Each structure stands twice: as C-alpha cells, then as structure tokens.
Amino acid sequence: FRGCANISSIIFPEYVTNIGWGAFESCDSLSTIIFM
C-alpha cells in the first residue's frame, strides 16, 4: 500500500503475522494504526 496517500486509519486483525518492507510507506494521511 505504498503511496496510498488518502488512507487515514487501519485496523490489522488478530491473525496478521507479517507486514512487509515499506508496506505502508508514504501514506501521507495515515494517523491511526490498530494492531489487534
């Protein structure tokens, strides 16, 4: 999701095991992240 400039918040469900290199790099509007 690199460069997705308008994503403001993300909830990662409980069973996510890996979030890769630069996966959300340069998401300019991202303000809130929740890791379940």
Full PDB file with SEQRES, HELIX, SHEET, SSBOND, CRYST1, ORIGX, SCALE, CONECT and MASTER records, all heavy atoms in Angstrom:
SEQRES   1 A   36  PHE ARG GLY CYS ALA ASN ILE SER SER ILE ILE PHE PRO          
SEQRES   2 A   36  GLU TYR VAL THR ASN ILE GLY TRP GLY ALA PHE GLU SER          
SEQRES   3 A   36  CYS ASP SER LEU SER THR ILE ILE PHE MET                      
SHEET    1 AA1 2 SER A   9  PHE A  12  0                                        
SHEET    2 AA1 2 THR A  32  PHE A  35  1                                        
CRYST1    1.000    1.000    1.000  90.00  90.00  90.00 P 1           1          
ORIGX1      1.000000  0.000000  0.000000        0.00000                         
ORIGX2      0.000000  1.000000  0.000000        0.00000                         
ORIGX3      0.000000  0.000000  1.000000        0.00000                         
SCALE1      1.000000  0.000000  0.000000        0.00000                         
SCALE2      0.000000  1.000000  0.000000        0.00000                         
SCALE3      0.000000  0.000000  1.000000        0.00000                         
ATOM      1  N   PHE A   1       0.836  -1.210   0.000  1.00  0.00           N  
ATOM      2  CA  PHE A   1       0.000   0.000   0.000  1.00  0.00           C  
ATOM      3  C   PHE A   1       0.869   1.258   0.000  1.00  0.00           C  
ATOM      4  O   PHE A   1       0.424   2.325   0.407  1.00  0.00           O  
ATOM      5  CB  PHE A   1      -0.934  -0.006   1.208  1.00  0.00           C  
ATOM      6  CG  PHE A   1      -1.991  -1.075   1.166  1.00  0.00           C  
ATOM      7  CD1 PHE A   1      -1.735  -2.346   1.664  1.00  0.00           C  
ATOM      8  CD2 PHE A   1      -3.239  -0.829   0.606  1.00  0.00           C  
ATOM      9  CE1 PHE A   1      -2.698  -3.337   1.623  1.00  0.00           C  
ATOM     10  CE2 PHE A   1      -4.209  -1.818   0.559  1.00  0.00           C  
ATOM     11  CZ  PHE A   1      -3.938  -3.081   1.064  1.00  0.00           C  
ATOM     12  N   ARG A   2       2.078   1.133  -0.477  1.00  0.00           N  
ATOM     13  CA  ARG A   2       2.979   2.296  -0.512  1.00  0.00           C  
ATOM     14  C   ARG A   2       2.368   3.416  -1.352  1.00  0.00           C  
ATOM     15  O   ARG A   2       1.836   3.196  -2.439  1.00  0.00           O  
ATOM     16  CB  ARG A   2       4.322   1.889  -1.103  1.00  0.00           C  
ATOM     17  CG  ARG A   2       5.342   3.040  -1.147  1.00  0.00           C  
ATOM     18  CD  ARG A   2       6.565   2.688  -1.953  1.00  0.00           C  
ATOM     19  NE  ARG A   2       7.377   1.688  -1.287  1.00  0.00           N  
ATOM     20  CZ  ARG A   2       7.651   0.501  -1.804  1.00  0.00           C  
ATOM     21  NH1 ARG A   2       7.135   0.158  -2.981  1.00  0.00           N  
ATOM     22  NH2 ARG A   2       8.413  -0.354  -1.159  1.00  0.00           N  
ATOM     23  N   GLY A   3       2.420   4.626  -0.816  1.00  0.00           N  
ATOM     24  CA  GLY A   3       1.951   5.778  -1.574  1.00  0.00           C  
ATOM     25  C   GLY A   3       0.447   5.940  -1.651  1.00  0.00           C  
ATOM     26  O   GLY A   3      -0.046   6.743  -2.450  1.00  0.00           O  
ATOM     27  N   CYS A   4      -0.300   5.194  -0.820  1.00  0.00           N  
ATOM     28  CA  CYS A   4      -1.760   5.378  -0.762  1.00  0.00           C  
ATOM     29  C   CYS A   4      -2.031   6.581   0.138  1.00  0.00           C  
ATOM     30  O   CYS A   4      -2.278   6.438   1.348  1.00  0.00           O  
ATOM     31  CB  CYS A   4      -2.438   4.113  -0.246  1.00  0.00           C  
ATOM     32  SG  CYS A   4      -2.328   2.719  -1.391  1.00  0.00           S  
ATOM     33  N   ALA A   5      -1.996   7.741  -0.457  1.00  0.00           N  
ATOM     34  CA  ALA A   5      -1.911   8.989   0.289  1.00  0.00           C  
ATOM     35  C   ALA A   5      -3.153   9.370   1.076  1.00  0.00           C  
ATOM     36  O   ALA A   5      -3.099  10.260   1.924  1.00  0.00           O  
ATOM     37  CB  ALA A   5      -1.548  10.125  -0.663  1.00  0.00           C  
ATOM     38  N   ASN A   6      -4.303   8.703   0.816  1.00  0.00           N  
ATOM     39  CA  ASN A   6      -5.545   9.117   1.473  1.00  0.00           C  
ATOM     40  C   ASN A   6      -6.054   8.144   2.537  1.00  0.00           C  
ATOM     41  O   ASN A   6      -7.104   8.386   3.129  1.00  0.00           O  
ATOM     42  CB  ASN A   6      -6.635   9.359   0.430  1.00  0.00           C  
ATOM     43  CG  ASN A   6      -6.500  10.729  -0.216  1.00  0.00           C  
ATOM     44  OD1 ASN A   6      -6.507  11.746   0.466  1.00  0.00           O  
ATOM     45  ND2 ASN A   6      -6.348  10.748  -1.528  1.00  0.00           N  
ATOM     46  N   ILE A   7      -5.334   7.057   2.776  1.00  0.00           N  
ATOM     47  CA  ILE A   7      -5.727   6.146   3.856  1.00  0.00           C  
ATOM     48  C   ILE A   7      -5.429   6.817   5.191  1.00  0.00           C  
ATOM     49  O   ILE A   7      -4.295   7.209   5.461  1.00  0.00           O  
ATOM     50  CB  ILE A   7      -4.974   4.810   3.764  1.00  0.00           C  
ATOM     51  CG1 ILE A   7      -5.395   4.049   2.505  1.00  0.00           C  
ATOM     52  CG2 ILE A   7      -5.238   3.948   5.001  1.00  0.00           C  
ATOM     53  CD1 ILE A   7      -4.657   2.740   2.302  1.00  0.00           C  
ATOM     54  N   SER A   8      -6.446   6.948   6.043  1.00  0.00           N  
ATOM     55  CA  SER A   8      -6.267   7.673   7.301  1.00  0.00           C  
ATOM     56  C   SER A   8      -6.157   6.767   8.525  1.00  0.00           C  
ATOM     57  O   SER A   8      -5.574   7.165   9.535  1.00  0.00           O  
ATOM     58  CB  SER A   8      -7.410   8.665   7.517  1.00  0.00           C  
ATOM     59  OG  SER A   8      -8.652   7.983   7.558  1.00  0.00           O  
ATOM     60  N   SER A   9      -6.728   5.579   8.457  1.00  0.00           N  
ATOM     61  CA  SER A   9      -6.658   4.668   9.602  1.00  0.00           C  
ATOM     62  C   SER A   9      -6.713   3.222   9.124  1.00  0.00           C  
ATOM     63  O   SER A   9      -7.293   2.933   8.073  1.00  0.00           O  
ATOM     64  CB  SER A   9      -7.789   4.940  10.592  1.00  0.00           C  
ATOM     65  OG  SER A   9      -9.045   4.697   9.996  1.00  0.00           O  
ATOM     66  N   ILE A  10      -6.094   2.337   9.908  1.00  0.00           N  
ATOM     67  CA  ILE A  10      -6.040   0.925   9.547  1.00  0.00           C  
ATOM     68  C   ILE A  10      -6.191   0.082  10.805  1.00  0.00           C  
ATOM     69  O   ILE A  10      -5.575   0.368  11.841  1.00  0.00           O  
ATOM     70  CB  ILE A  10      -4.706   0.548   8.873  1.00  0.00           C  
ATOM     71  CG1 ILE A  10      -4.396   1.468   7.697  1.00  0.00           C  
ATOM     72  CG2 ILE A  10      -4.732  -0.904   8.408  1.00  0.00           C  
ATOM     73  CD1 ILE A  10      -3.002   1.281   7.150  1.00  0.00           C  
ATOM     74  N   ILE A  11      -7.011  -0.984  10.703  1.00  0.00           N  
ATOM     75  CA  ILE A  11      -7.112  -1.982  11.764  1.00  0.00           C  
ATOM     76  C   ILE A  11      -6.580  -3.298  11.221  1.00  0.00           C  
ATOM     77  O   ILE A  11      -7.078  -3.810  10.217  1.00  0.00           O  
ATOM     78  CB  ILE A  11      -8.570  -2.174  12.235  1.00  0.00           C  
ATOM     79  CG1 ILE A  11      -9.124  -0.863  12.794  1.00  0.00           C  
ATOM     80  CG2 ILE A  11      -8.644  -3.266  13.301  1.00  0.00           C  
ATOM     81  CD1 ILE A  11     -10.604  -0.930  13.143  1.00  0.00           C  
ATOM     82  N   PHE A  12      -5.552  -3.837  11.870  1.00  0.00           N  
ATOM     83  CA  PHE A  12      -4.996  -5.123  11.477  1.00  0.00           C  
ATOM     84  C   PHE A  12      -5.579  -6.212  12.367  1.00  0.00           C  
ATOM     85  O   PHE A  12      -5.363  -6.200  13.582  1.00  0.00           O  
ATOM     86  CB  PHE A  12      -3.474  -5.109  11.590  1.00  0.00           C  
ATOM     87  CG  PHE A  12      -2.812  -4.157  10.632  1.00  0.00           C  
ATOM     88  CD1 PHE A  12      -2.386  -2.911  11.065  1.00  0.00           C  
ATOM     89  CD2 PHE A  12      -2.632  -4.503   9.302  1.00  0.00           C  
ATOM     90  CE1 PHE A  12      -1.781  -2.021  10.190  1.00  0.00           C  
ATOM     91  CE2 PHE A  12      -2.030  -3.615   8.413  1.00  0.00           C  
ATOM     92  CZ  PHE A  12      -1.604  -2.372   8.857  1.00  0.00           C  
ATOM     93  N   PRO A  13      -6.312  -7.170  11.785  1.00  0.00           N  
ATOM     94  CA  PRO A  13      -6.927  -8.238  12.581  1.00  0.00           C  
ATOM     95  C   PRO A  13      -5.892  -9.069  13.348  1.00  0.00           C  
ATOM     96  O   PRO A  13      -4.691  -9.014  13.073  1.00  0.00           O  
ATOM     97  CB  PRO A  13      -7.653  -9.084  11.531  1.00  0.00           C  
ATOM     98  CG  PRO A  13      -7.887  -8.155  10.398  1.00  0.00           C  
ATOM     99  CD  PRO A  13      -6.692  -7.253  10.371  1.00  0.00           C  
ATOM    100  N   GLU A  14      -6.408  -9.865  14.234  1.00  0.00           N  
ATOM    101  CA  GLU A  14      -5.571 -10.598  15.198  1.00  0.00           C  
ATOM    102  C   GLU A  14      -4.555 -11.532  14.557  1.00  0.00           C  
ATOM    103  O   GLU A  14      -3.452 -11.706  15.074  1.00  0.00           O  
ATOM    104  CB  GLU A  14      -6.485 -11.399  16.129  1.00  0.00           C  
ATOM    105  CG  GLU A  14      -5.753 -12.157  17.220  1.00  0.00           C  
ATOM    106  CD  GLU A  14      -6.699 -12.904  18.132  1.00  0.00           C  
ATOM    107  OE1 GLU A  14      -7.940 -12.795  17.942  1.00  0.00           O  
ATOM    108  OE2 GLU A  14      -6.205 -13.597  19.038  1.00  0.00           O  
ATOM    109  N   TYR A  15      -4.911 -12.140  13.418  1.00  0.00           N  
ATOM    110  CA  TYR A  15      -4.059 -13.197  12.884  1.00  0.00           C  
ATOM    111  C   TYR A  15      -3.085 -12.737  11.806  1.00  0.00           C  
ATOM    112  O   TYR A  15      -2.436 -13.573  11.161  1.00  0.00           O  
ATOM    113  CB  TYR A  15      -4.935 -14.338  12.359  1.00  0.00           C  
ATOM    114  CG  TYR A  15      -5.775 -14.944  13.455  1.00  0.00           C  
ATOM    115  CD1 TYR A  15      -7.161 -14.747  13.476  1.00  0.00           C  
ATOM    116  CD2 TYR A  15      -5.191 -15.647  14.511  1.00  0.00           C  
ATOM    117  CE1 TYR A  15      -7.930 -15.276  14.501  1.00  0.00           C  
ATOM    118  CE2 TYR A  15      -5.957 -16.166  15.534  1.00  0.00           C  
ATOM    119  CZ  TYR A  15      -7.326 -15.975  15.525  1.00  0.00           C  
ATOM    120  OH  TYR A  15      -8.090 -16.485  16.548  1.00  0.00           O  
ATOM    121  N   VAL A  16      -2.935 -11.439  11.619  1.00  0.00           N  
ATOM    122  CA  VAL A  16      -1.897 -10.944  10.717  1.00  0.00           C  
ATOM    123  C   VAL A  16      -0.535 -11.278  11.331  1.00  0.00           C  
ATOM    124  O   VAL A  16      -0.274 -10.960  12.492  1.00  0.00           O  
ATOM    125  CB  VAL A  16      -2.012  -9.419  10.509  1.00  0.00           C  
ATOM    126  CG1 VAL A  16      -0.836  -8.909   9.679  1.00  0.00           C  
ATOM    127  CG2 VAL A  16      -3.323  -9.077   9.818  1.00  0.00           C  
ATOM    128  N   THR A  17       0.326 -11.921  10.552  1.00  0.00           N  
ATOM    129  CA  THR A  17       1.627 -12.340  11.078  1.00  0.00           C  
ATOM    130  C   THR A  17       2.776 -11.477  10.582  1.00  0.00           C  
ATOM    131  O   THR A  17       3.796 -11.343  11.272  1.00  0.00           O  
ATOM    132  CB  THR A  17       1.928 -13.798  10.699  1.00  0.00           C  
ATOM    133  OG1 THR A  17       1.924 -13.929   9.263  1.00  0.00           O  
ATOM    134  CG2 THR A  17       0.897 -14.735  11.305  1.00  0.00           C  
ATOM    135  N   ASN A  18       2.636 -10.901   9.380  1.00  0.00           N  
ATOM    136  CA  ASN A  18       3.766 -10.160   8.811  1.00  0.00           C  
ATOM    137  C   ASN A  18       3.284  -8.983   7.967  1.00  0.00           C  
ATOM    138  O   ASN A  18       2.397  -9.132   7.122  1.00  0.00           O  
ATOM    139  CB  ASN A  18       4.616 -11.102   7.957  1.00  0.00           C  
ATOM    140  CG  ASN A  18       5.909 -10.447   7.498  1.00  0.00           C  
ATOM    141  OD1 ASN A  18       5.931  -9.758   6.486  1.00  0.00           O  
ATOM    142  ND2 ASN A  18       6.980 -10.660   8.235  1.00  0.00           N  
ATOM    143  N   ILE A  19       3.881  -7.824   8.202  1.00  0.00           N  
ATOM    144  CA  ILE A  19       3.618  -6.625   7.401  1.00  0.00           C  
ATOM    145  C   ILE A  19       4.947  -6.226   6.778  1.00  0.00           C  
ATOM    146  O   ILE A  19       5.899  -5.881   7.483  1.00  0.00           O  
ATOM    147  CB  ILE A  19       3.021  -5.494   8.255  1.00  0.00           C  
ATOM    148  CG1 ILE A  19       1.675  -5.951   8.838  1.00  0.00           C  
ATOM    149  CG2 ILE A  19       2.825  -4.226   7.426  1.00  0.00           C  
ATOM    150  CD1 ILE A  19       1.053  -4.976   9.805  1.00  0.00           C  
ATOM    151  N   GLY A  20       5.030  -6.312   5.468  1.00  0.00           N  
ATOM    152  CA  GLY A  20       6.294  -6.283   4.763  1.00  0.00           C  
ATOM    153  C   GLY A  20       7.012  -4.944   4.685  1.00  0.00           C  
ATOM    154  O   GLY A  20       6.519  -3.898   5.108  1.00  0.00           O  
ATOM    155  N   TRP A  21       8.190  -5.042   4.094  1.00  0.00           N  
ATOM    156  CA  TRP A  21       9.090  -3.900   3.896  1.00  0.00           C  
ATOM    157  C   TRP A  21       8.356  -2.796   3.143  1.00  0.00           C  
ATOM    158  O   TRP A  21       7.855  -2.990   2.042  1.00  0.00           O  
ATOM    159  CB  TRP A  21      10.297  -4.378   3.084  1.00  0.00           C  
ATOM    160  CG  TRP A  21      11.466  -3.449   3.008  1.00  0.00           C  
ATOM    161  CD1 TRP A  21      12.598  -3.490   3.764  1.00  0.00           C  
ATOM    162  CD2 TRP A  21      11.644  -2.347   2.096  1.00  0.00           C  
ATOM    163  NE1 TRP A  21      13.464  -2.490   3.379  1.00  0.00           N  
ATOM    164  CE2 TRP A  21      12.900  -1.767   2.358  1.00  0.00           C  
ATOM    165  CE3 TRP A  21      10.836  -1.798   1.092  1.00  0.00           C  
ATOM    166  CZ2 TRP A  21      13.377  -0.676   1.656  1.00  0.00           C  
ATOM    167  CZ3 TRP A  21      11.311  -0.686   0.395  1.00  0.00           C  
ATOM    168  CH2 TRP A  21      12.563  -0.149   0.667  1.00  0.00           C  
ATOM    169  N   GLY A  22       8.254  -1.611   3.767  1.00  0.00           N  
ATOM    170  CA  GLY A  22       7.638  -0.462   3.111  1.00  0.00           C  
ATOM    171  C   GLY A  22       6.174  -0.645   2.751  1.00  0.00           C  
ATOM    172  O   GLY A  22       5.659   0.051   1.865  1.00  0.00           O  
ATOM    173  N   ALA A  23       5.492  -1.546   3.445  1.00  0.00           N  
ATOM    174  CA  ALA A  23       4.104  -1.876   3.072  1.00  0.00           C  
ATOM    175  C   ALA A  23       3.187  -0.663   3.062  1.00  0.00           C  
ATOM    176  O   ALA A  23       2.303  -0.534   2.209  1.00  0.00           O  
ATOM    177  CB  ALA A  23       3.545  -2.943   4.004  1.00  0.00           C  
ATOM    178  N   PHE A  24       3.371   0.252   4.018  1.00  0.00           N  
ATOM    179  CA  PHE A  24       2.523   1.451   4.101  1.00  0.00           C  
ATOM    180  C   PHE A  24       3.396   2.712   4.104  1.00  0.00           C  
ATOM    181  O   PHE A  24       3.018   3.741   4.657  1.00  0.00           O  
ATOM    182  CB  PHE A  24       1.647   1.397   5.358  1.00  0.00           C  
ATOM    183  CG  PHE A  24       0.619   0.309   5.311  1.00  0.00           C  
ATOM    184  CD1 PHE A  24       0.929  -0.975   5.728  1.00  0.00           C  
ATOM    185  CD2 PHE A  24      -0.657   0.549   4.817  1.00  0.00           C  
ATOM    186  CE1 PHE A  24      -0.010  -2.001   5.672  1.00  0.00           C  
ATOM    187  CE2 PHE A  24      -1.599  -0.467   4.754  1.00  0.00           C  
ATOM    188  CZ  PHE A  24      -1.277  -1.746   5.182  1.00  0.00           C  
ATOM    189  N   GLU A  25       4.503   2.630   3.454  1.00  0.00           N  
ATOM    190  CA  GLU A  25       5.411   3.767   3.348  1.00  0.00           C  
ATOM    191  C   GLU A  25       4.755   4.909   2.567  1.00  0.00           C  
ATOM    192  O   GLU A  25       4.020   4.680   1.599  1.00  0.00           O  
ATOM    193  CB  GLU A  25       6.688   3.328   2.641  1.00  0.00           C  
ATOM    194  CG  GLU A  25       7.748   4.402   2.492  1.00  0.00           C  
ATOM    195  CD  GLU A  25       8.993   3.897   1.792  1.00  0.00           C  
ATOM    196  OE1 GLU A  25       9.002   2.727   1.346  1.00  0.00           O  
ATOM    197  OE2 GLU A  25       9.949   4.672   1.682  1.00  0.00           O  
ATOM    198  N   SER A  26       4.984   6.128   3.021  1.00  0.00           N  
ATOM    199  CA  SER A  26       4.480   7.327   2.337  1.00  0.00           C  
ATOM    200  C   SER A  26       2.964   7.356   2.226  1.00  0.00           C  
ATOM    201  O   SER A  26       2.408   7.803   1.221  1.00  0.00           O  
ATOM    202  CB  SER A  26       5.106   7.450   0.935  1.00  0.00           C  
ATOM    203  OG  SER A  26       6.511   7.558   1.023  1.00  0.00           O  
ATOM    204  N   CYS A  27       2.288   6.864   3.250  1.00  0.00           N  
ATOM    205  CA  CYS A  27       0.827   7.040   3.350  1.00  0.00           C  
ATOM    206  C   CYS A  27       0.607   8.349   4.097  1.00  0.00           C  
ATOM    207  O   CYS A  27       0.537   8.382   5.339  1.00  0.00           O  
ATOM    208  CB  CYS A  27       0.198   5.848   4.079  1.00  0.00           C  
ATOM    209  SG  CYS A  27       0.172   4.340   3.094  1.00  0.00           S  
ATOM    210  N   ASP A  28       0.500   9.421   3.344  1.00  0.00           N  
ATOM    211  CA  ASP A  28       0.589  10.771   3.901  1.00  0.00           C  
ATOM    212  C   ASP A  28      -0.497  11.122   4.910  1.00  0.00           C  
ATOM    213  O   ASP A  28      -0.294  11.979   5.765  1.00  0.00           O  
ATOM    214  CB  ASP A  28       0.550  11.800   2.761  1.00  0.00           C  
ATOM    215  CG  ASP A  28       1.770  11.722   1.866  1.00  0.00           C  
ATOM    216  OD1 ASP A  28       2.769  11.091   2.274  1.00  0.00           O  
ATOM    217  OD2 ASP A  28       1.735  12.280   0.749  1.00  0.00           O  
ATOM    218  N   SER A  29      -1.677  10.492   4.800  1.00  0.00           N  
ATOM    219  CA  SER A  29      -2.800  10.830   5.685  1.00  0.00           C  
ATOM    220  C   SER A  29      -2.966   9.864   6.856  1.00  0.00           C  
ATOM    221  O   SER A  29      -3.846  10.066   7.698  1.00  0.00           O  
ATOM    222  CB  SER A  29      -4.109  10.875   4.886  1.00  0.00           C  
ATOM    223  OG  SER A  29      -4.041  11.831   3.855  1.00  0.00           O  
ATOM    224  N   LEU A  30      -2.150   8.841   6.915  1.00  0.00           N  
ATOM    225  CA  LEU A  30      -2.314   7.806   7.936  1.00  0.00           C  
ATOM    226  C   LEU A  30      -2.052   8.381   9.333  1.00  0.00           C  
ATOM    227  O   LEU A  30      -0.953   8.820   9.640  1.00  0.00           O  
ATOM    228  CB  LEU A  30      -1.356   6.647   7.665  1.00  0.00           C  
ATOM    229  CG  LEU A  30      -1.490   5.432   8.588  1.00  0.00           C  
ATOM    230  CD1 LEU A  30      -2.887   4.839   8.506  1.00  0.00           C  
ATOM    231  CD2 LEU A  30      -0.436   4.384   8.241  1.00  0.00           C  
ATOM    232  N   SER A  31      -3.090   8.359  10.167  1.00  0.00           N  
ATOM    233  CA  SER A  31      -2.962   8.935  11.511  1.00  0.00           C  
ATOM    234  C   SER A  31      -3.156   7.911  12.630  1.00  0.00           C  
ATOM    235  O   SER A  31      -2.644   8.099  13.727  1.00  0.00           O  
ATOM    236  CB  SER A  31      -3.959  10.078  11.698  1.00  0.00           C  
ATOM    237  OG  SER A  31      -5.294   9.613  11.567  1.00  0.00           O  
ATOM    238  N   THR A  32      -3.900   6.827  12.345  1.00  0.00           N  
ATOM    239  CA  THR A  32      -4.202   5.851  13.393  1.00  0.00           C  
ATOM    240  C   THR A  32      -3.973   4.429  12.898  1.00  0.00           C  
ATOM    241  O   THR A  32      -4.449   4.058  11.821  1.00  0.00           O  
ATOM    242  CB  THR A  32      -5.663   5.985  13.860  1.00  0.00           C  
ATOM    243  OG1 THR A  32      -5.869   7.305  14.380  1.00  0.00           O  
ATOM    244  CG2 THR A  32      -5.971   4.968  14.958  1.00  0.00           C  
ATOM    245  N   ILE A  33      -3.244   3.644  13.701  1.00  0.00           N  
ATOM    246  CA  ILE A  33      -2.988   2.232  13.396  1.00  0.00           C  
ATOM    247  C   ILE A  33      -3.383   1.408  14.607  1.00  0.00           C  
ATOM    248  O   ILE A  33      -3.004   1.730  15.735  1.00  0.00           O  
ATOM    249  CB  ILE A  33      -1.497   1.987  13.079  1.00  0.00           C  
ATOM    250  CG1 ILE A  33      -1.016   2.891  11.945  1.00  0.00           C  
ATOM    251  CG2 ILE A  33      -1.261   0.524  12.734  1.00  0.00           C  
ATOM    252  CD1 ILE A  33       0.497   2.877  11.758  1.00  0.00           C  
ATOM    253  N   ILE A  34      -4.142   0.334  14.367  1.00  0.00           N  
ATOM    254  CA  ILE A  34      -4.540  -0.564  15.458  1.00  0.00           C  
ATOM    255  C   ILE A  34      -4.078  -1.982  15.119  1.00  0.00           C  
ATOM    256  O   ILE A  34      -4.462  -2.541  14.092  1.00  0.00           O  
ATOM    257  CB  ILE A  34      -6.063  -0.561  15.682  1.00  0.00           C  
ATOM    258  CG1 ILE A  34      -6.533   0.852  16.052  1.00  0.00           C  
ATOM    259  CG2 ILE A  34      -6.456  -1.551  16.776  1.00  0.00           C  
ATOM    260  CD1 ILE A  34      -8.036   0.973  16.209  1.00  0.00           C  
ATOM    261  N   PHE A  35      -3.246  -2.547  15.986  1.00  0.00           N  
ATOM    262  CA  PHE A  35      -2.805  -3.933  15.850  1.00  0.00           C  
ATOM    263  C   PHE A  35      -3.569  -4.773  16.864  1.00  0.00           C  
ATOM    264  O   PHE A  35      -3.338  -4.664  18.067  1.00  0.00           O  
ATOM    265  CB  PHE A  35      -1.308  -4.066  16.117  1.00  0.00           C  
ATOM    266  CG  PHE A  35      -0.430  -3.275  15.187  1.00  0.00           C  
ATOM    267  CD1 PHE A  35       0.211  -2.119  15.625  1.00  0.00           C  
ATOM    268  CD2 PHE A  35      -0.240  -3.688  13.873  1.00  0.00           C  
ATOM    269  CE1 PHE A  35       1.031  -1.391  14.784  1.00  0.00           C  
ATOM    270  CE2 PHE A  35       0.577  -2.955  13.010  1.00  0.00           C  
ATOM    271  CZ  PHE A  35       1.215  -1.812  13.474  1.00  0.00           C  
ATOM    272  N   MET A  36      -4.474  -5.627  16.378  1.00  0.00           N  
ATOM    273  CA  MET A  36      -5.224  -6.485  17.283  1.00  0.00           C  
ATOM    274  C   MET A  36      -4.384  -7.660  17.772  1.00  0.00           C  
ATOM    275  O   MET A  36      -4.602  -8.194  18.863  1.00  0.00           O  
ATOM    276  CB  MET A  36      -6.487  -7.009  16.596  1.00  0.00           C  
ATOM    277  CG  MET A  36      -7.448  -5.918  16.132  1.00  0.00           C  
ATOM    278  SD  MET A  36      -7.882  -4.733  17.425  1.00  0.00           S  
ATOM    279  CE  MET A  36      -8.627  -5.813  18.646  1.00  0.00           C  
TER     280      MET A  36                                                      
MASTER        0    0    0    0    2    0    0    6  279    1    0    3          
END                                                                             
